[in-house]
Amino acid sequence: MTGTMNLRELLDCFFGSLLLCVASMNPKSMHYGSYEEQKSNIQRYWAEIKLKLKRDTDRIAPIEAMLSEAFAAFESGRRDKGIDIAMSLWVS
């Protein structure tokens, strides 16, 4: 499915999944899908994005570090920290 998407479409899906991941952390917002589902989507889109990047390849490692830190924060119960990191990715 993602193999036929261009970079712009992949980035749109990546950032959409990032926002849904943040929304899924609200226990009252079950209609956004599970955290695990959104994390999987983020990882899948990110893998495809990396393959298509021709410029800004120097940003790959910092983005991966931020994703890892956000996931670790969410999974250890530090919801606010995870949200802050995810939102900083979204605005960068």
C-alpha atoms as a PDB file:
ATOM      1  CA  MET A   1       0.000   0.000   0.000  1.00  0.00           C
ATOM      2  CA  THR A   2       2.611   2.565   0.991  1.00  0.00           C
ATOM      3  CA  GLY A   3       4.983   1.610  -1.848  1.00  0.00           C
ATOM      4  CA  THR A   4       2.947   3.595  -4.374  1.00  0.00           C
ATOM      5  CA  MET A   5       2.719   6.750  -2.289  1.00  0.00           C
ATOM      6  CA  ASN A   6       4.928   9.724  -3.009  1.00  0.00           C
ATOM      7  CA  LEU A   7       6.981  11.389  -0.282  1.00  0.00           C
ATOM      8  CA  ARG A   8       4.399  14.113   0.384  1.00  0.00           C
ATOM      9  CA  GLU A   9       1.622  11.536   0.847  1.00  0.00           C
ATOM     10  CA  LEU A  10       3.810   9.449   3.148  1.00  0.00           C
ATOM     11  CA  LEU A  11       4.674  12.506   5.243  1.00  0.00           C
ATOM     12  CA  ASP A  12       0.983  13.416   5.488  1.00  0.00           C
ATOM     13  CA  CYS A  13       0.146   9.890   6.679  1.00  0.00           C
ATOM     14  CA  PHE A  14       3.110   9.853   9.075  1.00  0.00           C
ATOM     15  CA  PHE A  15       2.090  13.119  10.704  1.00  0.00           C
ATOM     16  CA  GLY A  16      -1.572  12.088  10.767  1.00  0.00           C
ATOM     17  CA  SER A  17      -0.624   8.883  12.571  1.00  0.00           C
ATOM     18  CA  LEU A  18       1.554  10.869  14.949  1.00  0.00           C
ATOM     19  CA  LEU A  19      -1.427  13.033  15.897  1.00  0.00           C
ATOM     20  CA  LEU A  20      -3.657   9.966  16.230  1.00  0.00           C
ATOM     21  CA  CYS A  21      -1.042   8.383  18.468  1.00  0.00           C
ATOM     22  CA  VAL A  22      -1.187  11.424  20.748  1.00  0.00           C
ATOM     23  CA  ALA A  23      -4.995  11.325  20.670  1.00  0.00           C
ATOM     24  CA  SER A  24      -4.980   7.603  21.496  1.00  0.00           C
ATOM     25  CA  MET A  25      -3.248   8.407  24.782  1.00  0.00           C
ATOM     26  CA  ASN A  26      -6.457  10.027  26.024  1.00  0.00           C
ATOM     27  CA  PRO A  27      -8.457   7.210  27.666  1.00  0.00           C
ATOM     28  CA  LYS A  28     -11.701   8.932  26.645  1.00  0.00           C
ATOM     29  CA  SER A  29     -10.758   8.908  22.941  1.00  0.00           C
ATOM     30  CA  MET A  30     -10.977   5.245  22.019  1.00  0.00           C
ATOM     31  CA  HIS A  31     -12.274   6.044  18.514  1.00  0.00           C
ATOM     32  CA  TYR A  32      -8.755   7.079  17.408  1.00  0.00           C
ATOM     33  CA  GLY A  33      -7.484   3.501  17.445  1.00  0.00           C
ATOM     34  CA  SER A  34      -5.072   1.922  19.834  1.00  0.00           C
ATOM     35  CA  TYR A  35      -1.641   3.216  20.678  1.00  0.00           C
ATOM     36  CA  GLU A  36      -0.108   0.007  19.298  1.00  0.00           C
ATOM     37  CA  GLU A  37      -1.923   0.453  15.977  1.00  0.00           C
ATOM     38  CA  GLN A  38      -0.771   4.065  15.628  1.00  0.00           C
ATOM     39  CA  LYS A  39       2.801   3.192  16.636  1.00  0.00           C
ATOM     40  CA  SER A  40       2.847   0.498  13.961  1.00  0.00           C
ATOM     41  CA  ASN A  41       1.529   2.959  11.367  1.00  0.00           C
ATOM     42  CA  ILE A  42       4.149   5.548  12.339  1.00  0.00           C
ATOM     43  CA  GLN A  43       6.937   2.998  12.059  1.00  0.00           C
ATOM     44  CA  ARG A  44       5.688   1.741   8.675  1.00  0.00           C
ATOM     45  CA  TYR A  45       5.373   5.241   7.201  1.00  0.00           C
ATOM     46  CA  TRP A  46       8.743   6.285   8.620  1.00  0.00           C
ATOM     47  CA  ALA A  47      10.460   3.265   7.038  1.00  0.00           C
ATOM     48  CA  GLU A  48       9.004   4.234   3.644  1.00  0.00           C
ATOM     49  CA  ILE A  49       9.872   7.910   4.096  1.00  0.00           C
ATOM     50  CA  LYS A  50      13.511   7.101   4.823  1.00  0.00           C
ATOM     51  CA  LEU A  51      13.746   5.144   1.569  1.00  0.00           C
ATOM     52  CA  LYS A  52      12.476   8.135  -0.415  1.00  0.00           C
ATOM     53  CA  LEU A  53      14.524  10.870   1.246  1.00  0.00           C
ATOM     54  CA  LYS A  54      17.027  12.451  -1.091  1.00  0.00           C
ATOM     55  CA  ARG A  55      17.632  15.651   0.884  1.00  0.00           C
ATOM     56  CA  ASP A  56      17.680  16.238   4.621  1.00  0.00           C
ATOM     57  CA  THR A  57      19.110  12.772   5.269  1.00  0.00           C
ATOM     58  CA  ASP A  58      21.004  14.308   8.194  1.00  0.00           C
ATOM     59  CA  ARG A  59      17.636  14.614   9.969  1.00  0.00           C
ATOM     60  CA  ILE A  60      16.958  10.856   9.966  1.00  0.00           C
ATOM     61  CA  ALA A  61      18.944  10.011  13.121  1.00  0.00           C
ATOM     62  CA  PRO A  62      17.526  12.873  15.232  1.00  0.00           C
ATOM     63  CA  ILE A  63      13.962  12.019  14.170  1.00  0.00           C
ATOM     64  CA  GLU A  64      14.492   8.341  14.983  1.00  0.00           C
ATOM     65  CA  ALA A  65      15.888   9.285  18.382  1.00  0.00           C
ATOM     66  CA  MET A  66      12.845  11.469  19.081  1.00  0.00           C
ATOM     67  CA  LEU A  67      10.451   8.712  17.976  1.00  0.00           C
ATOM     68  CA  SER A  68      12.194   6.220  20.258  1.00  0.00           C
ATOM     69  CA  GLU A  69      12.071   8.656  23.147  1.00  0.00           C
ATOM     70  CA  ALA A  70       8.369   9.396  22.570  1.00  0.00           C
ATOM     71  CA  PHE A  71       7.468   5.690  22.385  1.00  0.00           C
ATOM     72  CA  ALA A  72       9.530   4.966  25.519  1.00  0.00           C
ATOM     73  CA  ALA A  73       7.774   7.786  27.358  1.00  0.00           C
ATOM     74  CA  PHE A  74       4.309   6.586  26.324  1.00  0.00           C
ATOM     75  CA  GLU A  75       5.104   2.992  27.234  1.00  0.00           C
ATOM     76  CA  SER A  76       6.491   3.893  30.666  1.00  0.00           C
ATOM     77  CA  GLY A  77       3.443   5.961  31.579  1.00  0.00           C
ATOM     78  CA  ARG A  78       4.992   9.392  31.015  1.00  0.00           C
ATOM     79  CA  ARG A  79       2.172  10.469  28.744  1.00  0.00           C
ATOM     80  CA  ASP A  80       2.861  14.211  28.895  1.00  0.00           C
ATOM     81  CA  LYS A  81       6.513  13.780  27.957  1.00  0.00           C
ATOM     82  CA  GLY A  82       5.565  11.512  25.032  1.00  0.00           C
ATOM     83  CA  ILE A  83       3.006  14.036  23.812  1.00  0.00           C
ATOM     84  CA  ASP A  84       5.523  16.890  24.052  1.00  0.00           C
ATOM     85  CA  ILE A  85       8.073  14.966  21.995  1.00  0.00           C
ATOM     86  CA  ALA A  86       5.518  13.857  19.408  1.00  0.00           C
ATOM     87  CA  MET A  87       4.197  17.377  19.020  1.00  0.00           C
ATOM     88  CA  SER A  88       7.714  18.767  18.613  1.00  0.00           C
ATOM     89  CA  LEU A  89       8.200  16.285  15.759  1.00  0.00           C
ATOM     90  CA  TRP A  90       4.939  17.413  14.199  1.00  0.00           C
ATOM     91  CA  VAL A  91       5.893  21.082  14.171  1.00  0.00           C
ATOM     92  CA  SER A  92       9.475  20.560  12.995  1.00  0.00           C
END
